[in-house]
Amino acid sequence: MLIRYKKSFEKIAMGLMSFMPTEKELKKLQQSMKDYEEKDNWQLFLWKEDDIIGLIGIELEEESFTIQHISVIPSHRGQGFGKKMVVSLTETYPNKAVKTTQYTTAFIEKCDLDKEACED
């Protein structure tokens, strides 16, 4: 289930986001978290099964949203949770096109949203 980020989830969100190649340095990671907390058009969501196991962050635009960050705990990868997060967002924002960054494009391409399988 996709849930909105709250400050009380900061540590788990930072841990999940640190798996992204762009977030290896602490200062960059802290700046990204600050962006999600302060910018109205930046939205951060967590994926919860029994525990929080994934994260997806987007930048909302007028006709689209850009996936800035997507991450799943390593022990839960390959089970389709990344795709579930993307599909859930497309259902949340049904009239918006999905865009990616150079760091999220490869995953989204693997996640062909018309297919059942998605490697995360």
Protein backbone atom coordinates (compact mmCIF):
# COMPACT_ATOMS: atom_id res chain seq x y z
CA MET A 1 0.00 0.00 0.00
CA LEU A 2 1.29 3.45 -0.95
CA ILE A 3 1.40 5.92 1.93
CA ARG A 4 2.50 9.55 2.06
CA TYR A 5 5.78 10.37 3.74
CA LYS A 6 5.61 11.88 7.22
CA LYS A 7 8.51 13.27 9.25
CA SER A 8 8.23 10.29 11.62
CA PHE A 9 9.37 8.07 8.71
CA GLU A 10 12.50 10.14 8.05
CA LYS A 11 15.09 7.53 9.08
CA ILE A 12 13.59 4.70 7.04
CA ALA A 13 13.07 7.04 4.08
CA MET A 14 16.69 8.18 4.21
CA GLY A 15 17.83 4.57 4.42
CA LEU A 16 15.78 3.59 1.38
CA MET A 17 16.81 6.67 -0.58
CA SER A 18 20.48 5.97 0.14
CA PHE A 19 20.26 2.99 -2.24
CA MET A 20 19.90 5.47 -5.14
CA PRO A 21 23.20 6.15 -6.96
CA THR A 22 22.72 9.90 -6.59
CA GLU A 23 22.23 9.75 -2.83
CA LYS A 24 25.49 8.20 -1.62
CA GLU A 25 26.80 11.42 -0.03
CA LEU A 26 25.09 12.45 3.22
CA LYS A 27 24.78 16.13 2.24
CA LYS A 28 23.07 15.23 -1.05
CA LEU A 29 20.74 12.80 0.75
CA GLN A 30 19.83 15.43 3.33
CA GLN A 31 19.15 17.99 0.57
CA SER A 32 16.87 15.55 -1.25
CA MET A 33 14.90 14.91 1.95
CA LYS A 34 14.65 18.67 2.50
CA ASP A 35 13.30 19.09 -1.04
CA TYR A 36 10.52 16.59 -0.34
CA GLU A 37 9.68 18.29 2.94
CA GLU A 38 9.72 21.89 1.67
CA LYS A 39 8.75 21.89 -2.01
CA ASP A 40 5.01 21.58 -2.57
CA ASN A 41 5.42 19.89 -5.96
CA TRP A 42 7.84 17.24 -4.62
CA GLN A 43 5.97 14.29 -3.12
CA LEU A 44 7.49 11.32 -1.31
CA PHE A 45 5.63 8.05 -0.80
CA LEU A 46 6.49 4.85 1.03
CA TRP A 47 5.35 1.33 0.19
CA LYS A 48 4.09 -0.67 3.14
CA GLU A 49 3.42 -4.38 3.23
CA ASP A 50 3.85 -5.59 6.83
CA ASP A 51 6.70 -3.10 7.14
CA ILE A 52 7.87 -0.20 4.98
CA ILE A 53 9.90 -1.78 2.19
CA GLY A 54 9.99 0.80 -0.60
CA LEU A 55 10.09 4.45 -1.48
CA ILE A 56 9.12 6.49 -4.53
CA GLY A 57 9.58 10.23 -4.90
CA ILE A 58 8.08 12.38 -7.61
CA GLU A 59 8.12 15.92 -8.86
CA LEU A 60 4.60 16.94 -9.86
CA GLU A 61 4.16 19.05 -12.95
CA GLU A 62 1.01 20.34 -14.63
CA GLU A 63 0.51 17.41 -17.01
CA SER A 64 3.00 14.86 -15.71
CA PHE A 65 5.05 13.66 -12.80
CA THR A 66 8.74 12.82 -12.86
CA ILE A 67 9.97 9.86 -10.83
CA GLN A 68 13.01 11.27 -9.04
CA HIS A 69 13.69 8.38 -6.67
CA ILE A 70 12.58 4.75 -6.47
CA SER A 71 14.00 2.18 -4.12
CA VAL A 72 13.10 -1.18 -2.58
CA ILE A 73 14.85 -2.87 0.35
CA PRO A 74 17.31 -5.38 -1.20
CA SER A 75 15.69 -8.41 0.44
CA HIS A 76 12.38 -7.55 -1.27
CA ARG A 77 13.70 -6.83 -4.75
CA GLY A 78 12.53 -8.87 -7.72
CA GLN A 79 9.05 -9.32 -6.26
CA GLY A 80 7.27 -6.55 -8.17
CA PHE A 81 7.06 -3.95 -5.40
CA GLY A 82 8.71 -1.25 -7.52
CA LYS A 83 6.16 -1.78 -10.26
CA LYS A 84 3.34 -1.74 -7.70
CA MET A 85 4.53 1.67 -6.50
CA VAL A 86 4.58 3.06 -10.05
CA VAL A 87 1.17 1.58 -10.89
CA SER A 88 -0.29 2.97 -7.66
CA LEU A 89 1.02 6.44 -8.54
CA THR A 90 -0.47 6.24 -12.03
CA GLU A 91 -3.79 5.43 -10.37
CA THR A 92 -3.35 8.32 -7.92
CA TYR A 93 -2.57 10.73 -10.78
CA PRO A 94 -4.51 9.17 -13.69
CA ASN A 95 -4.35 12.20 -16.00
CA LYS A 96 -0.61 12.75 -15.69
CA ALA A 97 2.10 11.29 -17.90
CA VAL A 98 4.98 9.43 -16.23
CA LYS A 99 8.45 10.90 -16.80
CA THR A 100 11.81 9.71 -15.50
CA THR A 101 15.33 10.94 -14.81
CA GLN A 102 18.53 9.39 -16.08
CA TYR A 103 18.64 7.43 -12.81
CA THR A 104 15.07 6.10 -12.91
CA THR A 105 14.61 5.50 -16.65
CA ALA A 106 16.25 2.04 -16.77
CA PHE A 107 14.04 0.74 -13.98
CA ILE A 108 10.85 2.09 -15.52
CA GLU A 109 11.79 0.60 -18.90
CA LYS A 110 12.26 -2.82 -17.22
CA CYS A 111 8.89 -2.25 -15.59
CA ASP A 112 6.94 -2.18 -18.84
CA LEU A 113 3.68 -1.16 -17.26
CA ASP A 114 1.68 -3.31 -19.68
CA LYS A 115 3.38 -6.48 -18.50
CA GLU A 116 3.04 -8.42 -15.27
CA ALA A 117 6.75 -8.88 -14.58
CA CYS A 118 8.94 -6.14 -13.27
CA GLU A 119 12.41 -6.54 -11.86
CA ASP A 120 13.05 -4.30 -8.91
